Amino acid sequence: MKICIFYYDGFCEFEVVLSALIFRDNHFTVALENRVYISEEKQKYLPDKTIDELNPDEIDLFIIPGGNPKYLYTNLKLKNFINELNKRNKFVAGICAGTYLMARYGLLKGKRCTGDSSGLQENKEYIDLFKDAVITKEDVVVDGNIVTSTGQAFIEFTFELCKLMGIYENNDEALMDYRWFKNIKQ
């Protein structure tokens, strides 16, 4: 299993750090260039690989964090790569503003989805990106190979990805981990 977490300047690290932790033995990071990327939280990250080094067939899940990806809307290299993953029915997951990039690239056309920090709002400037999507009020939405999440549901997002990737042997094992991260007493 190969999980890929995408870095870009201004990405929101807290939304994907739990995924990185749980998938630590099966994930790598990628960006458009081999250089340091500065997260929204002002942390510095160096990707393991660049998009040019990737083979879509070797990726099972591609995770797009939130932040401010607007400057990537017209990046054809990234758009073509992500659309190729989608065409090959690989899982593509976006959280918070990561869903904006997915919508801009056409991945959410006709798909159920959510996004933004606490849900997509009809009065926000970004809403036109989602005109071809089916917006729901759910925290995490899986529609085929497409996964979208609100930023506030980063724990639920990670555990949905874990289910899709078969990380846990059964629901009890997953529930035990989930309760620990959410600080829910048994």
N, C-alpha and C. Protein backbone atom coordinates (compact mmCIF):
# COMPACT_ATOMS: atom_id res chain seq x y z
N MET A 1 0.84 -1.17 0.00
CA MET A 1 0.00 0.00 0.00
C MET A 1 0.90 1.24 0.00
N LYS A 2 0.59 2.17 -0.89
CA LYS A 2 1.36 3.42 -0.99
C LYS A 2 0.43 4.61 -0.84
N ILE A 3 0.68 5.38 0.20
CA ILE A 3 -0.09 6.59 0.48
C ILE A 3 0.82 7.78 0.25
N CYS A 4 0.31 8.76 -0.46
CA CYS A 4 1.09 9.93 -0.84
C CYS A 4 0.43 11.18 -0.28
N ILE A 5 1.17 11.98 0.47
CA ILE A 5 0.67 13.24 1.01
C ILE A 5 1.33 14.38 0.25
N PHE A 6 0.51 15.27 -0.29
CA PHE A 6 0.97 16.36 -1.13
C PHE A 6 1.33 17.60 -0.30
N TYR A 7 2.51 18.16 -0.56
CA TYR A 7 2.93 19.42 0.08
C TYR A 7 2.85 20.55 -0.93
N TYR A 8 2.46 21.72 -0.44
CA TYR A 8 2.52 22.95 -1.22
C TYR A 8 2.68 24.10 -0.23
N ASP A 9 3.18 25.22 -0.69
CA ASP A 9 3.34 26.35 0.22
C ASP A 9 1.98 26.76 0.79
N GLY A 10 1.92 26.83 2.10
CA GLY A 10 0.69 27.24 2.78
C GLY A 10 -0.25 26.09 3.09
N PHE A 11 0.19 24.82 2.90
CA PHE A 11 -0.70 23.71 3.24
C PHE A 11 -0.89 23.65 4.76
N CYS A 12 -2.02 23.14 5.16
CA CYS A 12 -2.37 23.06 6.58
C CYS A 12 -1.93 21.70 7.13
N GLU A 13 -0.83 21.71 7.86
CA GLU A 13 -0.24 20.45 8.31
C GLU A 13 -1.08 19.70 9.32
N PHE A 14 -1.78 20.41 10.21
CA PHE A 14 -2.50 19.68 11.26
C PHE A 14 -3.60 18.79 10.67
N GLU A 15 -4.08 19.11 9.48
CA GLU A 15 -5.14 18.32 8.87
C GLU A 15 -4.66 16.97 8.36
N VAL A 16 -3.35 16.83 8.17
CA VAL A 16 -2.82 15.57 7.63
C VAL A 16 -1.78 14.91 8.53
N VAL A 17 -1.44 15.53 9.65
CA VAL A 17 -0.39 14.97 10.50
C VAL A 17 -0.81 13.64 11.12
N LEU A 18 -2.07 13.47 11.44
CA LEU A 18 -2.53 12.20 12.00
C LEU A 18 -2.47 11.10 10.93
N SER A 19 -2.83 11.45 9.70
CA SER A 19 -2.69 10.48 8.60
C SER A 19 -1.23 10.08 8.44
N ALA A 20 -0.33 11.06 8.51
CA ALA A 20 1.10 10.76 8.39
C ALA A 20 1.55 9.83 9.52
N LEU A 21 1.05 10.05 10.71
CA LEU A 21 1.41 9.20 11.85
C LEU A 21 0.91 7.76 11.65
N ILE A 22 -0.36 7.62 11.35
CA ILE A 22 -0.93 6.28 11.25
C ILE A 22 -0.40 5.53 10.03
N PHE A 23 -0.16 6.25 8.93
CA PHE A 23 0.36 5.61 7.72
C PHE A 23 1.89 5.67 7.64
N ARG A 24 2.55 5.94 8.74
CA ARG A 24 4.00 6.21 8.73
C ARG A 24 4.84 5.16 8.03
N ASP A 25 4.42 3.91 8.06
CA ASP A 25 5.20 2.87 7.39
C ASP A 25 4.84 2.70 5.92
N ASN A 26 3.80 3.39 5.49
CA ASN A 26 3.30 3.21 4.12
C ASN A 26 3.13 4.51 3.35
N HIS A 27 3.63 5.61 3.88
CA HIS A 27 3.41 6.86 3.17
C HIS A 27 4.72 7.53 2.78
N PHE A 28 4.60 8.39 1.80
CA PHE A 28 5.69 9.29 1.43
C PHE A 28 5.07 10.62 1.05
N THR A 29 5.89 11.63 0.95
CA THR A 29 5.39 12.96 0.64
C THR A 29 5.86 13.37 -0.75
N VAL A 30 5.09 14.24 -1.36
CA VAL A 30 5.39 14.67 -2.72
C VAL A 30 5.04 16.15 -2.87
N ALA A 31 5.73 16.80 -3.78
CA ALA A 31 5.46 18.19 -4.12
C ALA A 31 5.82 18.40 -5.59
N LEU A 32 5.59 19.58 -6.07
CA LEU A 32 5.92 19.87 -7.47
C LEU A 32 7.41 20.02 -7.70
N GLU A 33 8.13 20.50 -6.68
CA GLU A 33 9.57 20.72 -6.80
C GLU A 33 10.27 20.14 -5.58
N ASN A 34 11.55 19.84 -5.73
CA ASN A 34 12.36 19.36 -4.62
C ASN A 34 12.95 20.57 -3.90
N ARG A 35 12.18 21.10 -2.97
CA ARG A 35 12.58 22.25 -2.18
C ARG A 35 11.79 22.27 -0.88
N VAL A 36 12.12 23.17 0.00
CA VAL A 36 11.41 23.29 1.27
C VAL A 36 10.08 24.00 1.04
N TYR A 37 9.03 23.45 1.65
CA TYR A 37 7.70 24.04 1.62
C TYR A 37 7.36 24.50 3.03
N ILE A 38 6.74 25.65 3.13
CA ILE A 38 6.39 26.20 4.44
C ILE A 38 4.88 26.09 4.62
N SER A 39 4.50 25.40 5.69
CA SER A 39 3.09 25.15 5.96
C SER A 39 2.41 26.41 6.48
N GLU A 40 1.09 26.34 6.58
CA GLU A 40 0.30 27.43 7.15
C GLU A 40 0.77 27.75 8.58
N GLU A 41 1.23 26.73 9.27
CA GLU A 41 1.69 26.89 10.66
C GLU A 41 3.15 27.35 10.74
N LYS A 42 3.75 27.62 9.58
CA LYS A 42 5.14 28.12 9.45
C LYS A 42 6.19 27.06 9.76
N GLN A 43 5.82 25.78 9.60
CA GLN A 43 6.78 24.69 9.71
C GLN A 43 7.38 24.45 8.33
N LYS A 44 8.60 23.94 8.29
CA LYS A 44 9.27 23.68 7.03
C LYS A 44 9.25 22.19 6.72
N TYR A 45 8.92 21.86 5.46
CA TYR A 45 8.82 20.48 5.03
C TYR A 45 9.57 20.28 3.72
N LEU A 46 10.29 19.16 3.65
CA LEU A 46 10.99 18.78 2.44
C LEU A 46 10.34 17.49 1.93
N PRO A 47 9.81 17.49 0.71
CA PRO A 47 9.13 16.30 0.21
C PRO A 47 10.11 15.16 -0.09
N ASP A 48 9.59 13.95 -0.06
CA ASP A 48 10.39 12.78 -0.40
C ASP A 48 10.62 12.68 -1.91
N LYS A 49 9.61 13.10 -2.69
CA LYS A 49 9.66 12.97 -4.14
C LYS A 49 8.98 14.17 -4.79
N THR A 50 9.17 14.27 -6.10
CA THR A 50 8.42 15.25 -6.88
C THR A 50 7.39 14.50 -7.72
N ILE A 51 6.40 15.23 -8.20
CA ILE A 51 5.37 14.65 -9.05
C ILE A 51 5.99 13.93 -10.25
N ASP A 52 7.06 14.51 -10.80
CA ASP A 52 7.71 13.91 -11.97
C ASP A 52 8.28 12.52 -11.69
N GLU A 53 8.54 12.22 -10.43
CA GLU A 53 9.12 10.92 -10.07
C GLU A 53 8.08 9.84 -9.79
N LEU A 54 6.81 10.20 -9.85
CA LEU A 54 5.76 9.27 -9.46
C LEU A 54 5.17 8.51 -10.63
N ASN A 55 4.80 7.28 -10.35
CA ASN A 55 4.05 6.46 -11.27
C ASN A 55 2.66 6.30 -10.66
N PRO A 56 1.62 6.77 -11.34
CA PRO A 56 0.27 6.68 -10.77
C PRO A 56 -0.13 5.26 -10.36
N ASP A 57 0.39 4.25 -11.04
CA ASP A 57 0.04 2.87 -10.70
C ASP A 57 0.60 2.44 -9.35
N GLU A 58 1.58 3.17 -8.84
CA GLU A 58 2.21 2.82 -7.57
C GLU A 58 1.63 3.59 -6.39
N ILE A 59 0.53 4.28 -6.61
CA ILE A 59 -0.12 5.05 -5.54
C ILE A 59 -1.52 4.50 -5.32
N ASP A 60 -1.85 4.25 -4.06
CA ASP A 60 -3.19 3.79 -3.71
C ASP A 60 -4.07 4.93 -3.22
N LEU A 61 -3.44 5.92 -2.57
CA LEU A 61 -4.17 7.04 -1.98
C LEU A 61 -3.33 8.30 -2.08
N PHE A 62 -3.92 9.36 -2.61
CA PHE A 62 -3.26 10.66 -2.74
C PHE A 62 -4.03 11.64 -1.88
N ILE A 63 -3.36 12.23 -0.87
CA ILE A 63 -4.02 13.12 0.09
C ILE A 63 -3.63 14.57 -0.19
N ILE A 64 -4.65 15.43 -0.32
CA ILE A 64 -4.45 16.86 -0.56
C ILE A 64 -4.90 17.62 0.69
N PRO A 65 -3.96 18.22 1.43
CA PRO A 65 -4.34 18.97 2.62
C PRO A 65 -4.98 20.30 2.26
N GLY A 66 -5.64 20.89 3.24
CA GLY A 66 -6.18 22.23 3.08
C GLY A 66 -5.07 23.26 3.19
N GLY A 67 -5.47 24.48 3.28
CA GLY A 67 -4.53 25.61 3.29
C GLY A 67 -5.03 26.63 2.29
N ASN A 68 -4.16 27.04 1.40
CA ASN A 68 -4.58 27.95 0.34
C ASN A 68 -3.96 27.50 -0.99
N PRO A 69 -4.61 26.55 -1.67
CA PRO A 69 -4.06 26.02 -2.91
C PRO A 69 -4.43 26.83 -4.15
N LYS A 70 -4.99 28.00 -3.98
CA LYS A 70 -5.50 28.77 -5.12
C LYS A 70 -4.45 28.96 -6.22
N TYR A 71 -3.20 29.16 -5.82
CA TYR A 71 -2.14 29.37 -6.82
C TYR A 71 -1.87 28.11 -7.64
N LEU A 72 -2.42 26.97 -7.24
CA LEU A 72 -2.24 25.72 -7.98
C LEU A 72 -3.39 25.42 -8.95
N TYR A 73 -4.41 26.25 -8.96
CA TYR A 73 -5.59 26.00 -9.80
C TYR A 73 -5.24 25.83 -11.28
N THR A 74 -4.24 26.53 -11.75
CA THR A 74 -3.89 26.47 -13.17
C THR A 74 -2.65 25.62 -13.44
N ASN A 75 -2.18 24.88 -12.45
CA ASN A 75 -0.98 24.06 -12.63
C ASN A 75 -1.35 22.78 -13.39
N LEU A 76 -1.00 22.74 -14.66
CA LEU A 76 -1.38 21.62 -15.52
C LEU A 76 -0.69 20.31 -15.14
N LYS A 77 0.54 20.38 -14.69
CA LYS A 77 1.25 19.15 -14.30
C LYS A 77 0.52 18.46 -13.15
N LEU A 78 0.15 19.22 -12.13
CA LEU A 78 -0.55 18.66 -10.98
C LEU A 78 -1.95 18.20 -11.39
N LYS A 79 -2.64 19.04 -12.15
CA LYS A 79 -3.99 18.69 -12.60
C LYS A 79 -3.98 17.39 -13.39
N ASN A 80 -3.07 17.27 -14.34
CA ASN A 80 -3.00 16.06 -15.15
C ASN A 80 -2.67 14.83 -14.31
N PHE A 81 -1.76 14.99 -13.35
CA PHE A 81 -1.39 13.86 -12.50
C PHE A 81 -2.58 13.41 -11.65
N ILE A 82 -3.25 14.35 -10.99
CA ILE A 82 -4.38 14.00 -10.13
C ILE A 82 -5.52 13.41 -10.96
N ASN A 83 -5.77 13.96 -12.12
CA ASN A 83 -6.81 13.40 -12.99
C ASN A 83 -6.46 12.01 -13.49
N GLU A 84 -5.17 11.76 -13.69
CA GLU A 84 -4.73 10.42 -14.08
C GLU A 84 -4.97 9.42 -12.94
N LEU A 85 -4.70 9.84 -11.71
CA LEU A 85 -5.00 8.98 -10.55
C LEU A 85 -6.49 8.66 -10.52
N ASN A 86 -7.31 9.68 -10.72
CA ASN A 86 -8.76 9.50 -10.70
C ASN A 86 -9.19 8.55 -11.82
N LYS A 87 -8.65 8.73 -13.00
CA LYS A 87 -8.98 7.88 -14.15
C LYS A 87 -8.64 6.42 -13.86
N ARG A 88 -7.58 6.20 -13.11
CA ARG A 88 -7.15 4.83 -12.76
C ARG A 88 -7.84 4.32 -11.50
N ASN A 89 -8.83 5.08 -11.03
CA ASN A 89 -9.63 4.72 -9.86
C ASN A 89 -8.83 4.62 -8.57
N LYS A 90 -7.76 5.39 -8.47
CA LYS A 90 -7.00 5.49 -7.23
C LYS A 90 -7.77 6.41 -6.28
N PHE A 91 -7.61 6.23 -4.99
CA PHE A 91 -8.27 7.11 -4.05
C PHE A 91 -7.59 8.48 -4.05
N VAL A 92 -8.41 9.51 -4.17
CA VAL A 92 -7.94 10.90 -4.07
C VAL A 92 -8.76 11.52 -2.94
N ALA A 93 -8.06 12.04 -1.92
CA ALA A 93 -8.71 12.56 -0.73
C ALA A 93 -8.29 14.00 -0.49
N GLY A 94 -9.27 14.86 -0.27
CA GLY A 94 -8.99 16.25 0.04
C GLY A 94 -9.69 16.65 1.31
N ILE A 95 -9.02 17.48 2.08
CA ILE A 95 -9.60 17.98 3.32
C ILE A 95 -9.58 19.50 3.29
N CYS A 96 -10.63 20.11 3.81
CA CYS A 96 -10.77 21.56 3.91
C CYS A 96 -10.61 22.18 2.51
N ALA A 97 -9.65 23.06 2.32
CA ALA A 97 -9.47 23.71 1.02
C ALA A 97 -8.81 22.78 -0.01
N GLY A 98 -8.34 21.62 0.41
CA GLY A 98 -7.86 20.64 -0.55
C GLY A 98 -8.98 20.22 -1.49
N THR A 99 -10.22 20.31 -1.01
CA THR A 99 -11.37 19.99 -1.86
C THR A 99 -11.56 21.04 -2.95
N TYR A 100 -11.11 22.27 -2.71
CA TYR A 100 -11.22 23.32 -3.74
C TYR A 100 -10.41 22.91 -4.97
N LEU A 101 -9.21 22.39 -4.71
CA LEU A 101 -8.35 21.96 -5.80
C LEU A 101 -9.00 20.80 -6.56
N MET A 102 -9.59 19.87 -5.82
CA MET A 102 -10.27 18.75 -6.45
C MET A 102 -11.43 19.23 -7.32
N ALA A 103 -12.19 20.19 -6.80
CA ALA A 103 -13.31 20.74 -7.57
C ALA A 103 -12.81 21.47 -8.81
N ARG A 104 -11.79 22.28 -8.65
CA ARG A 104 -11.22 23.03 -9.77
C ARG A 104 -10.71 22.10 -10.87
N TYR A 105 -10.16 20.95 -10.48
CA TYR A 105 -9.63 19.99 -11.44
C TYR A 105 -10.70 19.07 -12.01
N GLY A 106 -11.96 19.23 -11.60
CA GLY A 106 -13.06 18.46 -12.17
C GLY A 106 -13.34 17.12 -11.51
N LEU A 107 -12.68 16.80 -10.43
CA LEU A 107 -12.86 15.50 -9.78
C LEU A 107 -14.20 15.36 -9.07
N LEU A 108 -14.83 16.48 -8.73
CA LEU A 108 -16.06 16.41 -7.94
C LEU A 108 -17.32 16.53 -8.78
N LYS A 109 -17.17 16.58 -10.08
CA LYS A 109 -18.33 16.69 -10.97
C LYS A 109 -19.26 15.50 -10.75
N GLY A 110 -20.50 15.81 -10.32
CA GLY A 110 -21.50 14.78 -10.06
C GLY A 110 -21.26 13.97 -8.80
N LYS A 111 -20.26 14.33 -8.01
CA LYS A 111 -19.92 13.59 -6.80
C LYS A 111 -20.49 14.28 -5.56
N ARG A 112 -20.84 13.46 -4.57
CA ARG A 112 -21.19 13.99 -3.25
C ARG A 112 -19.90 14.44 -2.59
N CYS A 113 -19.94 15.59 -1.91
CA CYS A 113 -18.72 16.10 -1.30
C CYS A 113 -19.02 17.07 -0.17
N THR A 114 -17.97 17.36 0.57
CA THR A 114 -17.98 18.38 1.60
C THR A 114 -16.63 19.07 1.53
N GLY A 115 -16.36 19.99 2.43
CA GLY A 115 -15.07 20.67 2.42
C GLY A 115 -15.09 21.91 3.27
N ASP A 116 -14.11 22.76 3.07
CA ASP A 116 -13.88 23.98 3.85
C ASP A 116 -13.60 23.58 5.31
N SER A 117 -13.52 24.56 6.18
CA SER A 117 -13.15 24.23 7.56
C SER A 117 -14.27 23.52 8.31
N SER A 118 -15.52 23.96 8.11
CA SER A 118 -16.62 23.32 8.83
C SER A 118 -17.79 22.98 7.92
N GLY A 119 -17.58 22.97 6.63
CA GLY A 119 -18.63 22.64 5.65
C GLY A 119 -18.71 23.71 4.59
N LEU A 120 -19.07 23.31 3.39
CA LEU A 120 -19.15 24.26 2.27
C LEU A 120 -20.33 25.20 2.47
N GLN A 121 -20.08 26.49 2.34
CA GLN A 121 -21.09 27.51 2.57
C GLN A 121 -21.49 28.17 1.25
N GLU A 122 -22.78 28.24 0.99
CA GLU A 122 -23.28 28.77 -0.28
C GLU A 122 -22.95 30.24 -0.51
N ASN A 123 -22.66 30.98 0.54
CA ASN A 123 -22.39 32.42 0.39
C ASN A 123 -20.90 32.75 0.30
N LYS A 124 -20.05 31.76 0.15
CA LYS A 124 -18.60 31.99 0.08
C LYS A 124 -18.15 32.11 -1.37
N GLU A 125 -17.05 32.83 -1.57
CA GLU A 125 -16.55 33.08 -2.92
C GLU A 125 -16.14 31.82 -3.67
N TYR A 126 -15.75 30.77 -2.97
CA TYR A 126 -15.29 29.54 -3.60
C TYR A 126 -16.43 28.67 -4.13
N ILE A 127 -17.68 28.96 -3.77
CA ILE A 127 -18.78 28.03 -4.02
C ILE A 127 -18.97 27.72 -5.51
N ASP A 128 -18.58 28.63 -6.39
CA ASP A 128 -18.70 28.36 -7.83
C ASP A 128 -17.86 27.16 -8.27
N LEU A 129 -16.78 26.88 -7.53
CA LEU A 129 -15.97 25.70 -7.84
C LEU A 129 -16.79 24.41 -7.74
N PHE A 130 -17.82 24.43 -6.92
CA PHE A 130 -18.60 23.23 -6.60
C PHE A 130 -19.94 23.17 -7.34
N LYS A 131 -20.09 23.99 -8.38
CA LYS A 131 -21.38 24.06 -9.08
C LYS A 131 -21.80 22.73 -9.70
N ASP A 132 -20.84 21.86 -10.03
CA ASP A 132 -21.15 20.57 -10.63
C ASP A 132 -21.14 19.43 -9.61
N ALA A 133 -20.95 19.75 -8.34
CA ALA A 133 -20.88 18.74 -7.28
C ALA A 133 -22.19 18.68 -6.51
N VAL A 134 -22.34 17.64 -5.72
CA VAL A 134 -23.49 17.48 -4.84
C VAL A 134 -22.99 17.73 -3.42
N ILE A 135 -23.26 18.90 -2.89
CA ILE A 135 -22.75 19.31 -1.58
C ILE A 135 -23.60 18.70 -0.47
N THR A 136 -22.92 18.10 0.51
CA THR A 136 -23.61 17.52 1.66
C THR A 136 -23.17 18.24 2.93
N LYS A 137 -23.86 17.98 3.99
CA LYS A 137 -23.53 18.56 5.30
C LYS A 137 -22.73 17.59 6.17
N GLU A 138 -22.29 16.49 5.60
CA GLU A 138 -21.51 15.49 6.33
C GLU A 138 -20.10 16.00 6.59
N ASP A 139 -19.45 15.47 7.61
CA ASP A 139 -18.06 15.84 7.91
C ASP A 139 -17.08 15.20 6.95
N VAL A 140 -17.32 13.94 6.60
CA VAL A 140 -16.47 13.19 5.69
C VAL A 140 -17.38 12.48 4.69
N VAL A 141 -17.03 12.57 3.41
CA VAL A 141 -17.84 11.94 2.37
C VAL A 141 -16.94 11.07 1.49
N VAL A 142 -17.37 9.83 1.29
CA VAL A 142 -16.70 8.94 0.35
C VAL A 142 -17.68 8.69 -0.78
N ASP A 143 -17.28 9.04 -1.99
CA ASP A 143 -18.10 8.78 -3.18
C ASP A 143 -17.20 8.10 -4.21
N GLY A 144 -17.30 6.79 -4.26
CA GLY A 144 -16.41 6.02 -5.13
C GLY A 144 -14.98 6.13 -4.63
N ASN A 145 -14.08 6.58 -5.49
CA ASN A 145 -12.68 6.73 -5.10
C ASN A 145 -12.34 8.14 -4.60
N ILE A 146 -13.35 8.97 -4.44
CA ILE A 146 -13.15 10.36 -4.01
C ILE A 146 -13.55 10.51 -2.55
N VAL A 147 -12.66 11.11 -1.75
CA VAL A 147 -12.92 11.34 -0.33
C VAL A 147 -12.76 12.83 -0.07
N THR A 148 -13.75 13.44 0.58
CA THR A 148 -13.67 14.85 0.95
C THR A 148 -14.01 14.99 2.43
N SER A 149 -13.45 16.04 3.04
CA SER A 149 -13.66 16.23 4.48
C SER A 149 -13.60 17.70 4.84
N THR A 150 -14.32 18.04 5.89
CA THR A 150 -14.15 19.36 6.49
C THR A 150 -12.84 19.35 7.27
N GLY A 151 -12.25 20.50 7.45
CA GLY A 151 -10.99 20.60 8.19
C GLY A 151 -11.13 20.20 9.64
N GLN A 152 -12.28 20.53 10.23
CA GLN A 152 -12.49 20.20 11.64
C GLN A 152 -12.62 18.70 11.89
N ALA A 153 -12.86 17.95 10.83
CA ALA A 153 -13.03 16.50 10.97
C ALA A 153 -11.76 15.75 10.59
N PHE A 154 -10.60 16.33 10.89
CA PHE A 154 -9.34 15.70 10.46
C PHE A 154 -9.12 14.33 11.10
N ILE A 155 -9.64 14.11 12.29
CA ILE A 155 -9.51 12.78 12.90
C ILE A 155 -10.42 11.78 12.19
N GLU A 156 -11.66 12.17 11.97
CA GLU A 156 -12.60 11.31 11.25
C GLU A 156 -12.12 11.03 9.82
N PHE A 157 -11.54 12.04 9.18
CA PHE A 157 -10.97 11.91 7.84
C PHE A 157 -9.91 10.81 7.84
N THR A 158 -8.99 10.90 8.78
CA THR A 158 -7.92 9.90 8.86
C THR A 158 -8.48 8.50 9.06
N PHE A 159 -9.44 8.36 9.94
CA PHE A 159 -9.97 7.02 10.20
C PHE A 159 -10.79 6.49 9.03
N GLU A 160 -11.42 7.36 8.26
CA GLU A 160 -12.09 6.90 7.05
C GLU A 160 -11.06 6.40 6.04
N LEU A 161 -9.94 7.11 5.93
CA LEU A 161 -8.86 6.68 5.04
C LEU A 161 -8.28 5.35 5.51
N CYS A 162 -8.15 5.19 6.82
CA CYS A 162 -7.65 3.92 7.37
C CYS A 162 -8.56 2.76 6.99
N LYS A 163 -9.87 2.98 7.06
CA LYS A 163 -10.82 1.93 6.66
C LYS A 163 -10.63 1.58 5.19
N LEU A 164 -10.52 2.60 4.35
CA LEU A 164 -10.37 2.37 2.92
C LEU A 164 -9.07 1.62 2.60
N MET A 165 -8.04 1.86 3.38
CA MET A 165 -6.74 1.23 3.15
C MET A 165 -6.57 -0.08 3.92
N GLY A 166 -7.59 -0.47 4.70
CA GLY A 166 -7.54 -1.74 5.41
C GLY A 166 -6.50 -1.79 6.52
N ILE A 167 -6.28 -0.68 7.19
CA ILE A 167 -5.27 -0.60 8.26
C ILE A 167 -5.65 -1.46 9.47
N TYR A 168 -6.93 -1.48 9.79
CA TYR A 168 -7.37 -2.19 10.99
C TYR A 168 -7.94 -3.57 10.63
N GLU A 169 -7.70 -4.52 11.51
CA GLU A 169 -8.20 -5.88 11.29
C GLU A 169 -9.70 -5.97 11.46
N ASN A 170 -10.27 -5.09 12.33
CA ASN A 170 -11.71 -5.11 12.55
C ASN A 170 -12.16 -3.74 13.08
N ASN A 171 -13.46 -3.57 13.18
CA ASN A 171 -14.03 -2.29 13.63
C ASN A 171 -13.67 -1.99 15.09
N ASP A 172 -13.58 -3.02 15.92
CA ASP A 172 -13.24 -2.79 17.33
C ASP A 172 -11.84 -2.17 17.47
N GLU A 173 -10.90 -2.68 16.70
CA GLU A 173 -9.54 -2.13 16.72
C GLU A 173 -9.54 -0.66 16.27
N ALA A 174 -10.27 -0.37 15.22
CA ALA A 174 -10.36 1.01 14.72
C ALA A 174 -11.03 1.91 15.75
N LEU A 175 -12.12 1.43 16.34
CA LEU A 175 -12.85 2.21 17.33
C LEU A 175 -12.00 2.50 18.56
N MET A 176 -11.18 1.55 18.97
CA MET A 176 -10.30 1.77 20.12
C MET A 176 -9.31 2.91 19.84
N ASP A 177 -8.68 2.88 18.67
CA ASP A 177 -7.76 3.97 18.30
C ASP A 177 -8.49 5.31 18.18
N TYR A 178 -9.63 5.28 17.52
CA TYR A 178 -10.42 6.51 17.35
C TYR A 178 -10.77 7.12 18.70
N ARG A 179 -11.23 6.30 19.61
CA ARG A 179 -11.59 6.82 20.94
C ARG A 179 -10.39 7.40 21.66
N TRP A 180 -9.22 6.79 21.47
CA TRP A 180 -8.03 7.32 22.12
C TRP A 180 -7.72 8.72 21.57
N PHE A 181 -7.73 8.87 20.26
CA PHE A 181 -7.42 10.18 19.66
C PHE A 181 -8.47 11.24 19.98
N LYS A 182 -9.72 10.83 20.12
CA LYS A 182 -10.78 11.78 20.46
C LYS A 182 -10.93 11.96 21.99
N ASN A 183 -10.16 11.21 22.77
CA ASN A 183 -10.23 11.27 24.23
C ASN A 183 -11.63 10.91 24.72
N ILE A 184 -12.16 9.85 24.16
CA ILE A 184 -13.47 9.34 24.57
C ILE A 184 -13.21 8.17 25.51
N LYS A 185 -13.70 8.31 26.72
CA LYS A 185 -13.51 7.26 27.74
C LYS A 185 -14.44 6.10 27.43
N GLN A 186 -13.93 4.90 27.65
CA GLN A 186 -14.69 3.67 27.38
C GLN A 186 -15.82 3.50 28.36
